[in-house]
Structures are given as structure tokens and as C-alpha cells.
Amino acid sequence: MIEKAKGSFLKAENVVDIVASPGLQAVFACKGITRTSISLRTGLCWLEKLGWTYGKLRDGMYLDGHERPDVVEYRREFVKWWMGYEQQFH
């Protein structure tokens, strides 16, 4: 499965394809398992049990540019402005 997830993505469809592959079917036959496929929902459950998470790919908005000099200066000025209102907080 890790080989299928080269870009760190693995879909439930990939798990279904892996289970239906001849190699894994041979292993299943040796164990007495006669199912030839699994559902997409079962594939999702298996990924979850293996510790894989699924969801939308997120932007790296905090990964790029958060230490640029102009961004650091903006944060400093914002904190000063915010602290000016500290006396009014409950």
C-alpha cells in the first residue's frame, strides 16, 4: 500500500484494487477467505484502522512566507495595537 501512496495519497479505491489483486487473492485463498473484493466503505475503514487520515488537501498558507520580514513586522505592530486594548478586556 505504501508503494501505491507515492505522493502520500492513498484512496479507498486503491485499497479495493489491492485486495482484488491476484497476489493478495492467493494469500486470501490460503487462509480460506473467498471474498474477491471489498466495498469502498470497507477500504476507508481499513485505512482508518491503519492510522491513515482522509480529507481535503489543505493549502500550506502558514508554511510559506510566515517569517518574511514584512509579515513579522506586521505581527509586531498588530500585537502592540492589540495590547493597547488590553485594559478594556474582561
PDB file of N, CA and C in Angstrom:
ATOM      1  N   MET A   1       0.820  -1.185   0.000  1.00  0.00           N
ATOM      2  CA  MET A   1       0.000   0.000   0.000  1.00  0.00           C
ATOM      3  C   MET A   1       0.864   1.248   0.000  1.00  0.00           C
ATOM      4  N   ILE A   2       1.975   1.211   0.699  1.00  0.00           N
ATOM      5  CA  ILE A   2       2.846   2.381   0.740  1.00  0.00           C
ATOM      6  C   ILE A   2       3.402   2.685  -0.646  1.00  0.00           C
ATOM      7  N   GLU A   3       3.668   1.653  -1.425  1.00  0.00           N
ATOM      8  CA  GLU A   3       4.154   1.858  -2.794  1.00  0.00           C
ATOM      9  C   GLU A   3       3.109   2.572  -3.636  1.00  0.00           C
ATOM     10  N   LYS A   4       1.837   2.273  -3.420  1.00  0.00           N
ATOM     11  CA  LYS A   4       0.755   2.944  -4.148  1.00  0.00           C
ATOM     12  C   LYS A   4       0.624   4.402  -3.724  1.00  0.00           C
ATOM     13  N   ALA A   5       1.027   4.710  -2.505  1.00  0.00           N
ATOM     14  CA  ALA A   5       0.870   6.056  -1.947  1.00  0.00           C
ATOM     15  C   ALA A   5       2.140   6.859  -2.116  1.00  0.00           C
ATOM     16  N   LYS A   6       2.700   6.884  -3.301  1.00  0.00           N
ATOM     17  CA  LYS A   6       3.978   7.563  -3.529  1.00  0.00           C
ATOM     18  C   LYS A   6       3.928   9.034  -3.167  1.00  0.00           C
ATOM     19  N   GLY A   7       2.851   9.727  -3.494  1.00  0.00           N
ATOM     20  CA  GLY A   7       2.733  11.142  -3.174  1.00  0.00           C
ATOM     21  C   GLY A   7       2.054  11.362  -1.835  1.00  0.00           C
ATOM     22  N   SER A   8       2.087  10.387  -0.972  1.00  0.00           N
ATOM     23  CA  SER A   8       1.460  10.380   0.350  1.00  0.00           C
ATOM     24  C   SER A   8      -0.060  10.412   0.269  1.00  0.00           C
ATOM     25  N   PHE A   9      -0.602   9.973  -0.851  1.00  0.00           N
ATOM     26  CA  PHE A   9      -2.040   9.870  -1.012  1.00  0.00           C
ATOM     27  C   PHE A   9      -2.402   8.430  -1.284  1.00  0.00           C
ATOM     28  N   LEU A  10      -3.414   7.950  -0.617  1.00  0.00           N
ATOM     29  CA  LEU A  10      -3.927   6.604  -0.858  1.00  0.00           C
ATOM     30  C   LEU A  10      -5.434   6.696  -0.758  1.00  0.00           C
ATOM     31  N   LYS A  11      -6.105   6.286  -1.797  1.00  0.00           N
ATOM     32  CA  LYS A  11      -7.559   6.349  -1.823  1.00  0.00           C
ATOM     33  C   LYS A  11      -8.143   4.994  -1.470  1.00  0.00           C
ATOM     34  N   ALA A  12      -9.398   5.000  -1.078  1.00  0.00           N
ATOM     35  CA  ALA A  12     -10.099   3.753  -0.780  1.00  0.00           C
ATOM     36  C   ALA A  12     -10.144   2.873  -2.025  1.00  0.00           C
ATOM     37  N   GLU A  13     -10.218   3.501  -3.201  1.00  0.00           N
ATOM     38  CA  GLU A  13     -10.214   2.734  -4.455  1.00  0.00           C
ATOM     39  C   GLU A  13      -8.913   1.948  -4.606  1.00  0.00           C
ATOM     40  N   ASN A  14      -7.796   2.545  -4.145  1.00  0.00           N
ATOM     41  CA  ASN A  14      -6.516   1.835  -4.190  1.00  0.00           C
ATOM     42  C   ASN A  14      -6.551   0.597  -3.311  1.00  0.00           C
ATOM     43  N   VAL A  15      -7.164   0.705  -2.133  1.00  0.00           N
ATOM     44  CA  VAL A  15      -7.263  -0.437  -1.230  1.00  0.00           C
ATOM     45  C   VAL A  15      -8.115  -1.525  -1.860  1.00  0.00           C
ATOM     46  N   VAL A  16      -9.224  -1.132  -2.499  1.00  0.00           N
ATOM     47  CA  VAL A  16     -10.091  -2.102  -3.171  1.00  0.00           C
ATOM     48  C   VAL A  16      -9.305  -2.818  -4.282  1.00  0.00           C
ATOM     49  N   ASP A  17      -8.521  -2.064  -5.050  1.00  0.00           N
ATOM     50  CA  ASP A  17      -7.714  -2.665  -6.114  1.00  0.00           C
ATOM     51  C   ASP A  17      -6.653  -3.615  -5.553  1.00  0.00           C
ATOM     52  N   ILE A  18      -6.047  -3.239  -4.442  1.00  0.00           N
ATOM     53  CA  ILE A  18      -5.018  -4.088  -3.828  1.00  0.00           C
ATOM     54  C   ILE A  18      -5.632  -5.398  -3.353  1.00  0.00           C
ATOM     55  N   VAL A  19      -6.805  -5.314  -2.738  1.00  0.00           N
ATOM     56  CA  VAL A  19      -7.474  -6.526  -2.254  1.00  0.00           C
ATOM     57  C   VAL A  19      -7.854  -7.427  -3.426  1.00  0.00           C
ATOM     58  N   ALA A  20      -8.259  -6.832  -4.554  1.00  0.00           N
ATOM     59  CA  ALA A  20      -8.667  -7.617  -5.719  1.00  0.00           C
ATOM     60  C   ALA A  20      -7.480  -8.126  -6.531  1.00  0.00           C
ATOM     61  N   SER A  21      -6.260  -7.724  -6.189  1.00  0.00           N
ATOM     62  CA  SER A  21      -5.088  -8.148  -6.968  1.00  0.00           C
ATOM     63  C   SER A  21      -4.858  -9.652  -6.826  1.00  0.00           C
ATOM     64  N   PRO A  22      -4.306 -10.285  -7.862  1.00  0.00           N
ATOM     65  CA  PRO A  22      -4.087 -11.734  -7.825  1.00  0.00           C
ATOM     66  C   PRO A  22      -3.180 -12.179  -6.678  1.00  0.00           C
ATOM     67  N   GLY A  23      -2.178 -11.388  -6.345  1.00  0.00           N
ATOM     68  CA  GLY A  23      -1.263 -11.763  -5.272  1.00  0.00           C
ATOM     69  C   GLY A  23      -1.960 -11.857  -3.929  1.00  0.00           C
ATOM     70  N   LEU A  24      -2.762 -10.856  -3.617  1.00  0.00           N
ATOM     71  CA  LEU A  24      -3.475 -10.859  -2.339  1.00  0.00           C
ATOM     72  C   LEU A  24      -4.599 -11.887  -2.333  1.00  0.00           C
ATOM     73  N   GLN A  25      -5.218 -12.106  -3.483  1.00  0.00           N
ATOM     74  CA  GLN A  25      -6.248 -13.137  -3.564  1.00  0.00           C
ATOM     75  C   GLN A  25      -5.659 -14.524  -3.302  1.00  0.00           C
ATOM     76  N   ALA A  26      -4.420 -14.745  -3.737  1.00  0.00           N
ATOM     77  CA  ALA A  26      -3.755 -16.023  -3.464  1.00  0.00           C
ATOM     78  C   ALA A  26      -3.511 -16.192  -1.966  1.00  0.00           C
ATOM     79  N   VAL A  27      -3.104 -15.110  -1.297  1.00  0.00           N
ATOM     80  CA  VAL A  27      -2.896 -15.160   0.150  1.00  0.00           C
ATOM     81  C   VAL A  27      -4.224 -15.446   0.853  1.00  0.00           C
ATOM     82  N   PHE A  28      -5.287 -14.765   0.410  1.00  0.00           N
ATOM     83  CA  PHE A  28      -6.607 -14.993   0.997  1.00  0.00           C
ATOM     84  C   PHE A  28      -7.064 -16.431   0.802  1.00  0.00           C
ATOM     85  N   ALA A  29      -6.814 -16.977  -0.385  1.00  0.00           N
ATOM     86  CA  ALA A  29      -7.223 -18.361  -0.670  1.00  0.00           C
ATOM     87  C   ALA A  29      -6.516 -19.324   0.273  1.00  0.00           C
ATOM     88  N   CYS A  30      -5.251 -19.092   0.575  1.00  0.00           N
ATOM     89  CA  CYS A  30      -4.508 -19.945   1.514  1.00  0.00           C
ATOM     90  C   CYS A  30      -5.106 -19.867   2.918  1.00  0.00           C
ATOM     91  N   LYS A  31      -5.684 -18.731   3.260  1.00  0.00           N
ATOM     92  CA  LYS A  31      -6.279 -18.537   4.591  1.00  0.00           C
ATOM     93  C   LYS A  31      -7.742 -18.959   4.633  1.00  0.00           C
ATOM     94  N   GLY A  32      -8.290 -19.361   3.491  1.00  0.00           N
ATOM     95  CA  GLY A  32      -9.684 -19.788   3.442  1.00  0.00           C
ATOM     96  C   GLY A  32     -10.677 -18.659   3.241  1.00  0.00           C
ATOM     97  N   ILE A  33     -10.189 -17.488   2.847  1.00  0.00           N
ATOM     98  CA  ILE A  33     -11.067 -16.347   2.600  1.00  0.00           C
ATOM     99  C   ILE A  33     -11.459 -16.359   1.135  1.00  0.00           C
ATOM    100  N   THR A  34     -12.759 -16.354   0.872  1.00  0.00           N
ATOM    101  CA  THR A  34     -13.218 -16.496  -0.517  1.00  0.00           C
ATOM    102  C   THR A  34     -13.737 -15.194  -1.120  1.00  0.00           C
ATOM    103  N   ARG A  35     -13.743 -14.118  -0.364  1.00  0.00           N
ATOM    104  CA  ARG A  35     -14.222 -12.836  -0.913  1.00  0.00           C
ATOM    105  C   ARG A  35     -13.249 -12.332  -1.959  1.00  0.00           C
ATOM    106  N   THR A  36     -13.781 -11.886  -3.077  1.00  0.00           N
ATOM    107  CA  THR A  36     -12.912 -11.403  -4.145  1.00  0.00           C
ATOM    108  C   THR A  36     -12.735  -9.900  -4.139  1.00  0.00           C
ATOM    109  N   SER A  37     -13.580  -9.206  -3.374  1.00  0.00           N
ATOM    110  CA  SER A  37     -13.450  -7.745  -3.319  1.00  0.00           C
ATOM    111  C   SER A  37     -14.038  -7.224  -2.008  1.00  0.00           C
ATOM    112  N   ILE A  38     -13.785  -5.930  -1.768  1.00  0.00           N
ATOM    113  CA  ILE A  38     -14.364  -5.244  -0.609  1.00  0.00           C
ATOM    114  C   ILE A  38     -15.041  -3.978  -1.111  1.00  0.00           C
ATOM    115  N   SER A  39     -15.886  -3.400  -0.299  1.00  0.00           N
ATOM    116  CA  SER A  39     -16.565  -2.158  -0.677  1.00  0.00           C
ATOM    117  C   SER A  39     -15.639  -0.969  -0.417  1.00  0.00           C
ATOM    118  N   LEU A  40     -16.009   0.170  -0.990  1.00  0.00           N
ATOM    119  CA  LEU A  40     -15.237   1.395  -0.746  1.00  0.00           C
ATOM    120  C   LEU A  40     -15.284   1.772   0.723  1.00  0.00           C
ATOM    121  N   ARG A  41     -16.428   1.584   1.359  1.00  0.00           N
ATOM    122  CA  ARG A  41     -16.555   1.914   2.781  1.00  0.00           C
ATOM    123  C   ARG A  41     -15.613   1.054   3.621  1.00  0.00           C
ATOM    124  N   THR A  42     -15.496  -0.228   3.281  1.00  0.00           N
ATOM    125  CA  THR A  42     -14.570  -1.108   3.992  1.00  0.00           C
ATOM    126  C   THR A  42     -13.132  -0.636   3.773  1.00  0.00           C
ATOM    127  N   GLY A  43     -12.822  -0.200   2.549  1.00  0.00           N
ATOM    128  CA  GLY A  43     -11.496   0.341   2.272  1.00  0.00           C
ATOM    129  C   GLY A  43     -11.187   1.548   3.128  1.00  0.00           C
ATOM    130  N   LEU A  44     -12.176   2.443   3.303  1.00  0.00           N
ATOM    131  CA  LEU A  44     -11.998   3.612   4.169  1.00  0.00           C
ATOM    132  C   LEU A  44     -11.782   3.190   5.620  1.00  0.00           C
ATOM    133  N   CYS A  45     -12.555   2.209   6.076  1.00  0.00           N
ATOM    134  CA  CYS A  45     -12.402   1.726   7.462  1.00  0.00           C
ATOM    135  C   CYS A  45     -11.020   1.130   7.676  1.00  0.00           C
ATOM    136  N   TRP A  46     -10.532   0.371   6.700  1.00  0.00           N
ATOM    137  CA  TRP A  46      -9.201  -0.232   6.820  1.00  0.00           C
ATOM    138  C   TRP A  46      -8.131   0.854   6.895  1.00  0.00           C
ATOM    139  N   LEU A  47      -8.247   1.877   6.050  1.00  0.00           N
ATOM    140  CA  LEU A  47      -7.275   2.973   6.087  1.00  0.00           C
ATOM    141  C   LEU A  47      -7.283   3.652   7.449  1.00  0.00           C
ATOM    142  N   GLU A  48      -8.476   3.854   7.994  1.00  0.00           N
ATOM    143  CA  GLU A  48      -8.583   4.498   9.302  1.00  0.00           C
ATOM    144  C   GLU A  48      -7.947   3.634  10.391  1.00  0.00           C
ATOM    145  N   LYS A  49      -8.179   2.324  10.356  1.00  0.00           N
ATOM    146  CA  LYS A  49      -7.589   1.426  11.355  1.00  0.00           C
ATOM    147  C   LYS A  49      -6.063   1.371  11.246  1.00  0.00           C
ATOM    148  N   LEU A  50      -5.551   1.594  10.032  1.00  0.00           N
ATOM    149  CA  LEU A  50      -4.101   1.606   9.825  1.00  0.00           C
ATOM    150  C   LEU A  50      -3.475   2.954  10.174  1.00  0.00           C
ATOM    151  N   GLY A  51      -4.304   3.916  10.586  1.00  0.00           N
ATOM    152  CA  GLY A  51      -3.777   5.213  11.000  1.00  0.00           C
ATOM    153  C   GLY A  51      -3.709   6.248   9.895  1.00  0.00           C
ATOM    154  N   TRP A  52      -4.220   5.934   8.724  1.00  0.00           N
ATOM    155  CA  TRP A  52      -4.261   6.903   7.632  1.00  0.00           C
ATOM    156  C   TRP A  52      -5.453   7.809   7.854  1.00  0.00           C
ATOM    157  N   THR A  53      -5.321   9.074   7.483  1.00  0.00           N
ATOM    158  CA  THR A  53      -6.427  10.000   7.589  1.00  0.00           C
ATOM    159  C   THR A  53      -6.858  10.410   6.195  1.00  0.00           C
ATOM    160  N   TYR A  54      -8.095  10.820   6.089  1.00  0.00           N
ATOM    161  CA  TYR A  54      -8.576  11.261   4.795  1.00  0.00           C
ATOM    162  C   TYR A  54      -9.320  12.570   4.944  1.00  0.00           C
ATOM    163  N   GLY A  55      -9.263  13.369   3.901  1.00  0.00           N
ATOM    164  CA  GLY A  55      -9.916  14.663   3.907  1.00  0.00           C
ATOM    165  C   GLY A  55      -9.403  15.480   2.742  1.00  0.00           C
ATOM    166  N   LYS A  56      -9.790  16.738   2.717  1.00  0.00           N
ATOM    167  CA  LYS A  56      -9.355  17.614   1.638  1.00  0.00           C
ATOM    168  C   LYS A  56      -7.894  17.985   1.817  1.00  0.00           C
ATOM    169  N   LEU A  57      -7.214  18.146   0.704  1.00  0.00           N
ATOM    170  CA  LEU A  57      -5.842  18.620   0.729  1.00  0.00           C
ATOM    171  C   LEU A  57      -5.867  20.095   1.112  1.00  0.00           C
ATOM    172  N   ARG A  58      -5.092  20.455   2.080  1.00  0.00           N
ATOM    173  CA  ARG A  58      -5.097  21.835   2.562  1.00  0.00           C
ATOM    174  C   ARG A  58      -3.964  22.635   1.934  1.00  0.00           C
ATOM    175  N   ASP A  59      -4.202  23.934   1.855  1.00  0.00           N
ATOM    176  CA  ASP A  59      -3.157  24.832   1.379  1.00  0.00           C
ATOM    177  C   ASP A  59      -2.075  24.929   2.452  1.00  0.00           C
ATOM    178  N   GLY A  60      -0.887  25.264   2.052  1.00  0.00           N
ATOM    179  CA  GLY A  60       0.184  25.470   3.013  1.00  0.00           C
ATOM    180  C   GLY A  60       0.309  26.933   3.380  1.00  0.00           C
ATOM    181  N   MET A  61      -0.817  27.578   3.674  1.00  0.00           N
ATOM    182  CA  MET A  61      -0.789  29.023   3.846  1.00  0.00           C
ATOM    183  C   MET A  61       0.091  29.489   4.993  1.00  0.00           C
ATOM    184  N   TYR A  62       0.305  28.675   6.004  1.00  0.00           N
ATOM    185  CA  TYR A  62       1.180  29.077   7.093  1.00  0.00           C
ATOM    186  C   TYR A  62       2.580  28.507   6.938  1.00  0.00           C
ATOM    187  N   LEU A  63       2.790  27.724   5.912  1.00  0.00           N
ATOM    188  CA  LEU A  63       4.104  27.140   5.702  1.00  0.00           C
ATOM    189  C   LEU A  63       5.016  28.050   4.892  1.00  0.00           C
ATOM    190  N   ASP A  64       4.434  28.841   4.011  1.00  0.00           N
ATOM    191  CA  ASP A  64       5.227  29.668   3.122  1.00  0.00           C
ATOM    192  C   ASP A  64       5.076  31.141   3.476  1.00  0.00           C
ATOM    193  N   GLY A  65       6.167  31.791   3.766  1.00  0.00           N
ATOM    194  CA  GLY A  65       6.158  33.231   3.926  1.00  0.00           C
ATOM    195  C   GLY A  65       5.804  33.750   5.303  1.00  0.00           C
ATOM    196  N   HIS A  66       5.585  32.888   6.267  1.00  0.00           N
ATOM    197  CA  HIS A  66       5.184  33.404   7.578  1.00  0.00           C
ATOM    198  C   HIS A  66       6.348  34.027   8.339  1.00  0.00           C
ATOM    199  N   GLU A  67       7.556  33.882   7.862  1.00  0.00           N
ATOM    200  CA  GLU A  67       8.716  34.511   8.505  1.00  0.00           C
ATOM    201  C   GLU A  67       9.324  35.611   7.647  1.00  0.00           C
ATOM    202  N   ARG A  68       8.598  36.053   6.623  1.00  0.00           N
ATOM    203  CA  ARG A  68       9.090  37.169   5.820  1.00  0.00           C
ATOM    204  C   ARG A  68       9.173  38.410   6.693  1.00  0.00           C
ATOM    205  N   PRO A  69      10.136  39.287   6.446  1.00  0.00           N
ATOM    206  CA  PRO A  69      10.300  40.480   7.298  1.00  0.00           C
ATOM    207  C   PRO A  69       9.044  41.345   7.382  1.00  0.00           C
ATOM    208  N   ASP A  70       8.325  41.520   6.269  1.00  0.00           N
ATOM    209  CA  ASP A  70       7.129  42.356   6.317  1.00  0.00           C
ATOM    210  C   ASP A  70       6.020  41.702   7.144  1.00  0.00           C
ATOM    211  N   VAL A  71       5.934  40.383   7.123  1.00  0.00           N
ATOM    212  CA  VAL A  71       4.919  39.682   7.908  1.00  0.00           C
ATOM    213  C   VAL A  71       5.268  39.748   9.396  1.00  0.00           C
ATOM    214  N   VAL A  72       6.540  39.588   9.721  1.00  0.00           N
ATOM    215  CA  VAL A  72       6.976  39.668  11.119  1.00  0.00           C
ATOM    216  C   VAL A  72       6.709  41.062  11.664  1.00  0.00           C
ATOM    217  N   GLU A  73       7.021  42.087  10.886  1.00  0.00           N
ATOM    218  CA  GLU A  73       6.783  43.460  11.320  1.00  0.00           C
ATOM    219  C   GLU A  73       5.289  43.719  11.513  1.00  0.00           C
ATOM    220  N   TYR A  74       4.457  43.218  10.604  1.00  0.00           N
ATOM    221  CA  TYR A  74       3.012  43.384  10.741  1.00  0.00           C
ATOM    222  C   TYR A  74       2.514  42.742  12.037  1.00  0.00           C
ATOM    223  N   ARG A  75       3.009  41.551  12.345  1.00  0.00           N
ATOM    224  CA  ARG A  75       2.587  40.873  13.579  1.00  0.00           C
ATOM    225  C   ARG A  75       2.994  41.677  14.804  1.00  0.00           C
ATOM    226  N   ARG A  76       4.199  42.227  14.793  1.00  0.00           N
ATOM    227  CA  ARG A  76       4.647  43.038  15.937  1.00  0.00           C
ATOM    228  C   ARG A  76       3.744  44.256  16.134  1.00  0.00           C
ATOM    229  N   GLU A  77       3.437  44.945  15.046  1.00  0.00           N
ATOM    230  CA  GLU A  77       2.573  46.118  15.128  1.00  0.00           C
ATOM    231  C   GLU A  77       1.168  45.733  15.576  1.00  0.00           C
ATOM    232  N   PHE A  78       0.659  44.615  15.095  1.00  0.00           N
ATOM    233  CA  PHE A  78      -0.669  44.161  15.496  1.00  0.00           C
ATOM    234  C   PHE A  78      -0.708  43.851  16.989  1.00  0.00           C
ATOM    235  N   VAL A  79       0.316  43.200  17.503  1.00  0.00           N
ATOM    236  CA  VAL A  79       0.356  42.861  18.933  1.00  0.00           C
ATOM    237  C   VAL A  79       0.393  44.135  19.764  1.00  0.00           C
ATOM    238  N   LYS A  80       1.171  45.131  19.334  1.00  0.00           N
ATOM    239  CA  LYS A  80       1.206  46.408  20.062  1.00  0.00           C
ATOM    240  C   LYS A  80      -0.178  47.048  20.069  1.00  0.00           C
ATOM    241  N   TRP A  81      -0.842  47.069  18.917  1.00  0.00           N
ATOM    242  CA  TRP A  81      -2.177  47.636  18.814  1.00  0.00           C
ATOM    243  C   TRP A  81      -3.147  46.874  19.713  1.00  0.00           C
ATOM    244  N   TRP A  82      -3.086  45.550  19.683  1.00  0.00           N
ATOM    245  CA  TRP A  82      -3.968  44.696  20.480  1.00  0.00           C
ATOM    246  C   TRP A  82      -3.745  44.925  21.979  1.00  0.00           C
ATOM    247  N   MET A  83      -2.505  45.026  22.384  1.00  0.00           N
ATOM    248  CA  MET A  83      -2.193  45.225  23.800  1.00  0.00           C
ATOM    249  C   MET A  83      -2.683  46.590  24.287  1.00  0.00           C
ATOM    250  N   GLY A  84      -2.849  47.544  23.391  1.00  0.00           N
ATOM    251  CA  GLY A  84      -3.405  48.837  23.760  1.00  0.00           C
ATOM    252  C   GLY A  84      -4.840  48.708  24.246  1.00  0.00           C
ATOM    253  N   TYR A  85      -5.541  47.713  23.828  1.00  0.00           N
ATOM    254  CA  TYR A  85      -6.911  47.481  24.242  1.00  0.00           C
ATOM    255  C   TYR A  85      -7.019  46.499  25.407  1.00  0.00           C
ATOM    256  N   GLU A  86      -5.899  46.042  25.928  1.00  0.00           N
ATOM    257  CA  GLU A  86      -5.895  45.027  26.988  1.00  0.00           C
ATOM    258  C   GLU A  86      -6.652  45.497  28.228  1.00  0.00           C
ATOM    259  N   GLN A  87      -6.579  46.759  28.559  1.00  0.00           N
ATOM    260  CA  GLN A  87      -7.245  47.297  29.762  1.00  0.00           C
ATOM    261  C   GLN A  87      -8.774  47.171  29.642  1.00  0.00           C
ATOM    262  N   GLN A  88      -9.276  47.124  28.421  1.00  0.00           N
ATOM    263  CA  GLN A  88     -10.721  47.070  28.208  1.00  0.00           C
ATOM    264  C   GLN A  88     -11.263  45.647  28.205  1.00  0.00           C
ATOM    265  N   PHE A  89     -10.378  44.668  28.237  1.00  0.00           N
ATOM    266  CA  PHE A  89     -10.821  43.278  28.246  1.00  0.00           C
ATOM    267  C   PHE A  89     -11.389  42.912  29.593  1.00  0.00           C
ATOM    268  N   HIS A  90     -12.277  41.964  29.616  1.00  0.00           N
ATOM    269  CA  HIS A  90     -12.863  41.487  30.886  1.00  0.00           C
ATOM    270  C   HIS A  90     -11.882  40.595  31.587  1.00  0.00           C
TER     271      HIS A  90
END
